[in-house]
Amino acid sequence: MEKNVDDRLRTLLDARLNADMSRRRFIQGAAGLTTLTVLGLNAGSASGADGKLGGPLNFLGYDGEQAANVAGPFLRDNNIQMNASFTSSADEPLTRFMTGGRGALDLFSVNKDFQSTVLDAGTELFLPLDMARIPNAGGLFPAFKDAPWLVRDGKTYGVPLIWGNSPCVWNPEKWEGVPDRYTDFADPKFKGELVLLDDPFGNICLFAKSTGAQGLGRLTQAELDKALEALISIKPNIVTLGTGFGDMADVIIRGDASIGIGGWAYQLVIAKEKGVTLVAGSPKIDDTLFWSDAYAIAVDAPNIDNAYAFIDYVTSAESNAALATELGSGCTVEAAYDLLTADAQVLYNYDDVRQPGGGILGTQASLLPPQEADGDIVGVSAWIEAWQTFKAA
């Protein structure tokens, strides 16, 4: 593989940028609450626990994280058929596992907040990993070694593959920076300058953070109402809600807005390709939100050898650099950093993941609301209702 990742991957990324669904939209409305069945999966039996590769590898996770381009040579060389099925909500792996997927699913890619919630609950879903079978994982950044959201009782349940944050993105010719708090965007000077993603969960978390909520993903009705009030206060300054990260970037690149709230650092690269300079940063007091996705193996995976070998291959420095570039995200393998282009290296602050104990990722509260109300904590339907109220305001 070349030192700098192949630019041919750009085509796939552009398609993802303009998709209607954000990879960080944890639960996509009422559709995320329905019971789902396993479709398009071949249980297979070619790869059990005998060390032989070949046959099916049944993947369920975020689109793109099956690493079809990056892992193509590995899959072909080992005669492995990737059967990929994609999630639209963070909790979908558990739903599918419990509704016919057990014994058919091999490999997940999952959000850290969902995985941590499952492990805390003691729910059977993820296999404790034999890390000796994933030697490349020894090269992870300190924050991802023994990551607190992946380790329970000395056992590891996932290998991080990418990470990132949700910064503000703005035109430096118009603004020197952003205010200290998200609620400060209500200032009339921002009228006609703002664009947000049409994403209830990310936006509510940002403004709940700004209004003093403690749990972010676990809000009381009063905390949710306060975040909603803050969102409505900036509504007069919003030009539009982007249908995806690409749409959101295009609004700023065209000059229809000058600041994107809850954006993606990769939007800077897209703008640069179009001759426009954008910068990214976060409010000094409120800061930003962080996310990370990991590979995990399903309990009773029928093709466990294929799954282990796949994770190890994609966790090599070369593969991790390629995948991070393809998905516009941060790499998780320390040696992969030197293989990134200069533009990719500055998309994220890698000091955040050079810290042991999970770094900033390990200290951030869960961003995932419960499916149902839990005592004083409101469920996902209340968040969806609040977002609809904001849009109608």
Protein backbone atom coordinates (compact mmCIF):
# COMPACT_ATOMS: atom_id res chain seq x y z
CA MET A 1 0.00 0.00 0.00
CA GLU A 2 1.26 3.49 -0.80
CA LYS A 3 2.31 5.77 2.04
CA ASN A 4 -0.53 8.23 1.27
CA VAL A 5 -3.95 6.66 1.01
CA ASP A 6 -5.37 6.28 -2.49
CA ASP A 7 -7.58 9.19 -3.56
CA ARG A 8 -9.87 6.80 -5.41
CA LEU A 9 -11.63 6.26 -2.10
CA ARG A 10 -12.97 9.80 -2.41
CA THR A 11 -15.89 8.68 -4.58
CA LEU A 12 -17.27 6.46 -1.84
CA LEU A 13 -16.76 9.15 0.79
CA ASP A 14 -18.59 11.75 -1.29
CA ALA A 15 -21.57 9.41 -1.52
CA ARG A 16 -21.53 8.98 2.26
CA LEU A 17 -21.24 12.72 2.81
CA ASN A 18 -24.45 13.31 0.91
CA ALA A 19 -26.44 10.46 2.40
CA ASP A 20 -29.53 11.41 4.38
CA MET A 21 -28.34 9.52 7.45
CA SER A 22 -25.58 10.62 9.78
CA ARG A 23 -23.38 7.81 11.08
CA ARG A 24 -23.75 9.51 14.45
CA ARG A 25 -27.56 9.54 14.32
CA PHE A 26 -27.87 6.83 16.95
CA ILE A 27 -31.59 6.17 16.62
CA GLN A 28 -33.39 7.20 13.45
CA GLY A 29 -36.86 8.16 14.58
CA ALA A 30 -39.60 5.62 15.06
CA ALA A 31 -37.97 3.30 12.53
CA GLY A 32 -35.23 2.67 15.07
CA LEU A 33 -37.82 1.37 17.54
CA THR A 34 -39.30 -1.35 15.38
CA THR A 35 -38.45 -5.03 15.69
CA LEU A 36 -36.09 -6.07 12.90
CA THR A 37 -35.22 -9.46 11.49
CA VAL A 38 -31.91 -10.67 10.16
CA LEU A 39 -31.83 -10.34 6.38
CA GLY A 40 -29.22 -11.37 3.87
CA LEU A 41 -27.07 -13.33 6.35
CA ASN A 42 -25.60 -16.76 5.66
CA ALA A 43 -24.83 -18.62 8.87
CA GLY A 44 -22.28 -20.81 7.12
CA SER A 45 -19.93 -23.29 8.74
CA ALA A 46 -16.67 -22.94 6.84
CA SER A 47 -14.82 -21.14 9.59
CA GLY A 48 -15.42 -22.36 13.12
CA ALA A 49 -12.65 -22.49 15.70
CA ASP A 50 -10.11 -24.56 13.76
CA GLY A 51 -8.04 -21.67 12.43
CA LYS A 52 -9.09 -22.20 8.81
CA LEU A 53 -10.23 -19.20 6.81
CA GLY A 54 -12.76 -19.07 4.01
CA GLY A 55 -16.51 -19.00 3.52
CA PRO A 56 -18.91 -16.39 4.92
CA LEU A 57 -18.26 -13.45 7.20
CA ASN A 58 -21.56 -11.95 8.35
CA PHE A 59 -21.19 -8.26 9.23
CA LEU A 60 -23.72 -5.93 10.85
CA GLY A 61 -22.79 -2.31 11.44
CA TYR A 62 -22.42 1.17 9.99
CA ASP A 63 -22.17 1.41 6.20
CA GLY A 64 -18.52 1.78 5.21
CA GLU A 65 -17.14 0.11 8.31
CA GLN A 66 -17.27 -3.28 6.60
CA ALA A 67 -14.09 -1.90 4.96
CA ALA A 68 -14.96 -3.33 1.55
CA ASN A 69 -12.21 -1.39 -0.23
CA VAL A 70 -9.55 -1.67 2.44
CA ALA A 71 -10.09 -5.36 3.17
CA GLY A 72 -10.77 -6.39 -0.41
CA PRO A 73 -7.38 -8.10 -0.94
CA PHE A 74 -7.64 -9.95 2.38
CA LEU A 75 -11.13 -11.22 1.58
CA ARG A 76 -10.15 -12.34 -1.93
CA ASP A 77 -6.89 -14.00 -0.84
CA ASN A 78 -8.68 -16.00 1.85
CA ASN A 79 -11.80 -16.81 -0.17
CA ILE A 80 -14.01 -15.05 2.39
CA GLN A 81 -17.42 -13.79 1.29
CA MET A 82 -18.41 -10.66 3.18
CA ASN A 83 -22.17 -10.58 3.80
CA ALA A 84 -22.78 -7.03 4.97
CA SER A 85 -25.98 -5.70 6.53
CA PHE A 86 -26.19 -2.14 7.78
CA THR A 87 -27.64 -0.49 10.86
CA SER A 88 -29.63 2.71 11.08
CA SER A 89 -29.63 2.82 14.87
CA ALA A 90 -27.11 2.10 17.58
CA ASP A 91 -29.27 -0.53 19.27
CA GLU A 92 -30.03 -2.52 16.13
CA PRO A 93 -27.32 -5.20 16.69
CA LEU A 94 -29.04 -6.25 19.92
CA THR A 95 -32.47 -6.26 18.27
CA ARG A 96 -31.26 -8.44 15.42
CA PHE A 97 -29.32 -10.75 17.72
CA MET A 98 -32.42 -11.36 19.83
CA THR A 99 -34.78 -11.82 16.86
CA GLY A 100 -33.08 -14.62 14.95
CA GLY A 101 -29.52 -13.38 14.58
CA ARG A 102 -27.88 -15.49 17.26
CA GLY A 103 -25.76 -18.09 15.54
CA ALA A 104 -25.89 -16.19 12.24
CA LEU A 105 -24.04 -12.95 13.05
CA ASP A 106 -20.25 -12.83 13.17
CA LEU A 107 -18.95 -9.28 13.26
CA PHE A 108 -20.37 -5.97 14.51
CA SER A 109 -19.23 -2.39 14.23
CA VAL A 110 -20.80 -0.53 17.12
CA ASN A 111 -20.87 2.88 18.76
CA LYS A 112 -19.01 3.12 22.06
CA ASP A 113 -21.99 4.43 24.03
CA PHE A 114 -24.22 1.56 22.93
CA GLN A 115 -21.54 -1.04 23.60
CA SER A 116 -20.83 0.36 27.04
CA THR A 117 -24.55 0.30 27.88
CA VAL A 118 -24.85 -3.35 26.84
CA LEU A 119 -21.79 -4.36 28.86
CA ASP A 120 -22.97 -2.44 31.93
CA ALA A 121 -26.31 -4.24 31.75
CA GLY A 122 -24.64 -7.65 31.50
CA THR A 123 -26.64 -8.35 28.35
CA GLU A 124 -25.32 -11.23 26.27
CA LEU A 125 -24.30 -9.99 22.83
CA PHE A 126 -20.54 -9.44 22.55
CA LEU A 127 -17.94 -12.20 22.81
CA PRO A 128 -14.97 -11.58 25.16
CA LEU A 129 -12.06 -11.32 22.73
CA ASP A 130 -8.91 -13.43 22.70
CA MET A 131 -6.54 -10.52 22.12
CA ALA A 132 -3.70 -12.93 21.27
CA ARG A 133 -5.58 -13.51 18.02
CA ILE A 134 -5.52 -9.77 17.21
CA PRO A 135 -1.82 -8.90 17.55
CA ASN A 136 -2.20 -5.67 15.56
CA ALA A 137 -4.39 -4.32 18.36
CA GLY A 138 -1.18 -3.95 20.36
CA GLY A 139 -0.50 -0.88 18.25
CA LEU A 140 -3.59 1.06 19.32
CA PHE A 141 -3.23 4.55 20.74
CA PRO A 142 -3.12 4.56 24.57
CA ALA A 143 -6.74 5.81 24.79
CA PHE A 144 -7.94 2.70 22.95
CA LYS A 145 -5.89 0.14 24.87
CA ASP A 146 -8.05 -1.13 27.69
CA ALA A 147 -10.66 1.51 26.76
CA PRO A 148 -13.08 1.77 29.70
CA TRP A 149 -16.12 1.44 27.45
CA LEU A 150 -14.81 -1.87 26.06
CA VAL A 151 -13.30 -3.64 29.08
CA ARG A 152 -15.20 -5.36 31.89
CA ASP A 153 -13.63 -7.54 34.59
CA GLY A 154 -10.36 -7.69 32.70
CA LYS A 155 -12.00 -8.88 29.48
CA THR A 156 -11.99 -6.88 26.24
CA TYR A 157 -15.10 -6.83 24.04
CA GLY A 158 -14.11 -4.62 21.12
CA VAL A 159 -11.29 -3.16 19.03
CA PRO A 160 -11.72 0.53 18.12
CA LEU A 161 -11.46 1.26 14.40
CA ILE A 162 -12.21 5.00 14.03
CA TRP A 163 -13.08 8.00 16.20
CA GLY A 164 -13.99 11.64 15.84
CA ASN A 165 -15.85 14.64 17.25
CA SER A 166 -18.59 17.11 16.37
CA PRO A 167 -16.94 20.53 15.99
CA CYS A 168 -18.24 23.82 14.72
CA VAL A 169 -17.06 24.57 11.17
CA TRP A 170 -16.85 28.16 9.97
CA ASN A 171 -15.61 30.63 7.38
CA PRO A 172 -12.54 32.38 8.87
CA GLU A 173 -13.00 35.39 6.57
CA LYS A 174 -16.16 36.22 8.48
CA TRP A 175 -15.48 34.93 12.00
CA GLU A 176 -12.35 34.72 14.12
CA GLY A 177 -13.89 31.91 16.12
CA VAL A 178 -17.07 30.75 17.80
CA PRO A 179 -18.64 31.88 21.08
CA ASP A 180 -17.91 30.14 24.37
CA ARG A 181 -21.30 28.41 24.58
CA TYR A 182 -23.74 26.96 22.07
CA THR A 183 -26.50 29.03 23.64
CA ASP A 184 -24.54 32.17 22.63
CA PHE A 185 -25.49 31.45 19.01
CA ALA A 186 -28.83 33.11 19.87
CA ASP A 187 -27.07 36.47 19.48
CA PRO A 188 -28.73 38.42 16.61
CA LYS A 189 -25.32 38.90 14.98
CA PHE A 190 -25.58 35.28 13.82
CA LYS A 191 -28.88 35.86 11.99
CA GLY A 192 -28.78 34.09 8.63
CA GLU A 193 -25.37 32.56 9.38
CA LEU A 194 -26.04 29.12 10.90
CA VAL A 195 -26.60 25.64 9.49
CA LEU A 196 -27.25 22.50 11.56
CA LEU A 197 -27.62 18.86 10.65
CA ASP A 198 -31.19 17.54 10.75
CA ASP A 199 -30.21 15.32 13.66
CA PRO A 200 -32.21 15.39 16.91
CA PHE A 201 -29.79 13.47 19.08
CA GLY A 202 -26.52 15.22 18.33
CA ASN A 203 -28.07 18.68 18.51
CA ILE A 204 -30.05 18.03 21.68
CA CYS A 205 -26.90 16.69 23.35
CA LEU A 206 -24.91 19.79 22.39
CA PHE A 207 -27.51 22.18 23.76
CA ALA A 208 -28.20 20.05 26.83
CA LYS A 209 -24.48 20.29 27.51
CA SER A 210 -24.68 24.07 27.12
CA THR A 211 -27.67 24.39 29.48
CA GLY A 212 -26.03 22.40 32.27
CA ALA A 213 -27.45 18.88 31.94
CA GLN A 214 -25.29 16.27 33.61
CA GLY A 215 -26.05 13.05 31.74
CA LEU A 216 -26.52 14.30 28.15
CA GLY A 217 -28.04 11.02 26.95
CA ARG A 218 -30.01 10.66 30.17
CA LEU A 219 -32.13 13.79 30.44
CA THR A 220 -35.06 14.53 32.67
CA GLN A 221 -38.05 16.18 31.03
CA ALA A 222 -37.00 19.49 32.60
CA GLU A 223 -33.48 19.17 31.16
CA LEU A 224 -34.86 18.22 27.75
CA ASP A 225 -37.25 21.19 27.84
CA LYS A 226 -34.37 23.51 28.73
CA ALA A 227 -32.27 22.21 25.81
CA LEU A 228 -35.27 22.60 23.49
CA GLU A 229 -35.81 26.18 24.65
CA ALA A 230 -32.15 26.92 23.89
CA LEU A 231 -32.43 25.38 20.43
CA ILE A 232 -35.56 27.40 19.68
CA SER A 233 -33.72 30.56 20.76
CA ILE A 234 -31.21 30.14 17.92
CA LYS A 235 -33.86 29.19 15.35
CA PRO A 236 -34.13 32.76 13.91
CA ASN A 237 -30.41 32.57 13.04
CA ILE A 238 -30.58 29.25 11.20
CA VAL A 239 -30.56 29.27 7.41
CA THR A 240 -31.40 25.59 6.96
CA LEU A 241 -31.00 22.10 8.35
CA GLY A 242 -28.62 20.00 6.28
CA THR A 243 -29.84 16.60 5.11
CA GLY A 244 -26.32 15.21 5.54
CA PHE A 245 -22.78 16.35 6.26
CA GLY A 246 -22.11 16.97 2.57
CA ASP A 247 -25.23 19.11 2.22
CA MET A 248 -24.29 20.99 5.37
CA ALA A 249 -20.78 21.65 4.00
CA ASP A 250 -22.13 22.80 0.63
CA VAL A 251 -24.32 25.41 2.35
CA ILE A 252 -21.21 26.94 3.94
CA ILE A 253 -19.07 26.57 0.81
CA ARG A 254 -21.74 28.39 -1.25
CA GLY A 255 -21.79 31.18 1.31
CA ASP A 256 -25.45 30.69 2.22
CA ALA A 257 -24.30 30.25 5.83
CA SER A 258 -20.96 30.83 7.51
CA ILE A 259 -21.04 28.54 10.56
CA GLY A 260 -22.04 24.90 10.92
CA ILE A 261 -22.87 23.62 14.41
CA GLY A 262 -22.20 19.95 15.15
CA GLY A 263 -20.20 19.41 11.98
CA TRP A 264 -17.48 17.04 10.85
CA ALA A 265 -13.79 17.89 10.50
CA TYR A 266 -13.69 16.23 7.09
CA GLN A 267 -15.81 19.10 5.76
CA LEU A 268 -12.61 21.18 5.79
CA VAL A 269 -11.02 18.83 3.25
CA ILE A 270 -14.08 18.91 1.00
CA ALA A 271 -14.10 22.71 1.12
CA LYS A 272 -10.39 22.89 0.30
CA GLU A 273 -10.92 20.76 -2.80
CA LYS A 274 -13.44 23.38 -3.93
CA GLY A 275 -11.07 26.27 -3.25
CA VAL A 276 -12.71 27.37 0.01
CA THR A 277 -10.96 27.61 3.37
CA LEU A 278 -12.92 26.57 6.43
CA VAL A 279 -11.71 26.00 9.98
CA ALA A 280 -13.03 23.86 12.81
CA GLY A 281 -13.13 24.34 16.55
CA SER A 282 -15.40 24.20 19.56
CA PRO A 283 -16.88 26.60 22.10
CA LYS A 284 -14.32 27.21 24.83
CA ILE A 285 -16.66 26.36 27.72
CA ASP A 286 -19.04 23.82 26.19
CA ASP A 287 -16.42 22.05 24.04
CA THR A 288 -17.69 19.28 21.74
CA LEU A 289 -18.92 15.68 21.70
CA PHE A 290 -16.75 12.68 20.86
CA TRP A 291 -17.57 9.29 19.36
CA SER A 292 -15.74 6.07 18.56
CA ASP A 293 -16.75 2.86 16.80
CA ALA A 294 -15.29 -0.59 17.42
CA TYR A 295 -15.34 -4.06 15.92
CA ALA A 296 -16.88 -6.72 18.13
CA ILE A 297 -17.59 -10.42 17.64
CA ALA A 298 -21.05 -11.82 18.29
CA VAL A 299 -21.69 -14.51 20.87
CA ASP A 300 -22.06 -17.84 19.01
CA ALA A 301 -20.48 -16.40 15.86
CA PRO A 302 -20.44 -19.24 13.28
CA ASN A 303 -17.38 -17.92 11.41
CA ILE A 304 -15.23 -16.84 14.31
CA ASP A 305 -11.85 -17.42 12.64
CA ASN A 306 -12.82 -15.20 9.73
CA ALA A 307 -13.93 -12.52 12.19
CA TYR A 308 -10.69 -12.57 14.18
CA ALA A 309 -8.52 -12.50 11.06
CA PHE A 310 -10.56 -9.67 9.55
CA ILE A 311 -10.25 -7.50 12.68
CA ASP A 312 -6.49 -8.10 12.82
CA TYR A 313 -6.08 -7.21 9.13
CA VAL A 314 -8.05 -3.98 9.37
CA THR A 315 -6.18 -3.04 12.56
CA SER A 316 -2.80 -3.01 10.79
CA ALA A 317 -1.32 0.48 10.47
CA GLU A 318 -1.77 0.54 6.69
CA SER A 319 -5.37 -0.64 6.76
CA ASN A 320 -6.35 1.60 9.66
CA ALA A 321 -4.91 4.65 7.90
CA ALA A 322 -6.81 3.76 4.73
CA LEU A 323 -10.08 3.21 6.57
CA ALA A 324 -9.76 6.43 8.57
CA THR A 325 -9.15 8.35 5.36
CA GLU A 326 -12.03 6.68 3.55
CA LEU A 327 -14.42 7.51 6.39
CA GLY A 328 -13.04 10.99 7.15
CA SER A 329 -12.32 9.93 10.71
CA GLY A 330 -9.48 9.61 13.19
CA CYS A 331 -7.22 6.55 13.08
CA THR A 332 -6.98 4.38 16.18
CA VAL A 333 -3.61 2.73 15.49
CA GLU A 334 -0.64 4.86 16.51
CA ALA A 335 1.58 3.93 13.55
CA ALA A 336 -1.28 4.72 11.15
CA TYR A 337 -0.93 8.42 11.97
CA ASP A 338 2.34 8.70 10.03
CA LEU A 339 0.68 7.14 6.98
CA LEU A 340 -2.04 9.79 6.80
CA THR A 341 -1.82 12.78 4.50
CA ALA A 342 -0.97 16.09 6.14
CA ASP A 343 -4.57 17.22 5.65
CA ALA A 344 -5.90 14.11 7.37
CA GLN A 345 -3.49 14.46 10.30
CA VAL A 346 -4.81 17.88 11.26
CA LEU A 347 -8.49 16.95 11.14
CA TYR A 348 -8.42 15.80 14.77
CA ASN A 349 -6.42 16.56 17.91
CA TYR A 350 -4.51 13.34 18.40
CA ASP A 351 -3.35 14.48 21.83
CA ASP A 352 -6.86 13.43 22.90
CA VAL A 353 -6.10 9.77 22.15
CA ARG A 354 -2.48 9.71 23.25
CA GLN A 355 -3.77 9.75 26.83
CA PRO A 356 -4.29 6.41 28.62
CA GLY A 357 -7.55 5.47 30.25
CA GLY A 358 -9.66 6.42 27.27
CA GLY A 359 -8.64 10.08 27.31
CA ILE A 360 -11.47 12.48 26.53
CA LEU A 361 -13.45 9.59 25.03
CA GLY A 362 -13.41 7.78 28.35
CA THR A 363 -14.67 10.75 30.38
CA GLN A 364 -17.59 11.77 28.17
CA ALA A 365 -21.01 10.75 29.44
CA SER A 366 -23.15 8.50 27.26
CA LEU A 367 -24.96 10.29 24.45
CA LEU A 368 -27.52 7.57 23.89
CA PRO A 369 -31.06 8.10 25.27
CA PRO A 370 -32.87 5.04 26.61
CA GLN A 371 -35.47 3.43 24.40
CA GLU A 372 -38.08 3.83 27.14
CA ALA A 373 -38.42 6.23 30.06
CA ASP A 374 -36.38 5.17 33.08
CA GLY A 375 -37.80 6.82 36.19
CA ASP A 376 -37.27 10.56 35.74
CA ILE A 377 -35.15 9.96 32.61
CA VAL A 378 -37.14 10.40 29.40
CA GLY A 379 -36.95 7.95 26.52
CA VAL A 380 -36.11 8.35 22.86
CA SER A 381 -39.67 9.23 21.82
CA ALA A 382 -39.50 12.38 23.96
CA TRP A 383 -36.33 13.44 22.16
CA ILE A 384 -37.94 12.91 18.77
CA GLU A 385 -40.99 14.89 19.86
CA ALA A 386 -38.77 17.73 21.11
CA TRP A 387 -36.93 17.88 17.79
CA GLN A 388 -40.19 18.03 15.86
CA THR A 389 -41.30 20.87 18.13
CA PHE A 390 -38.05 22.70 17.35
CA LYS A 391 -38.49 22.25 13.62
CA ALA A 392 -42.09 23.50 13.76
CA ALA A 393 -41.23 26.53 15.93
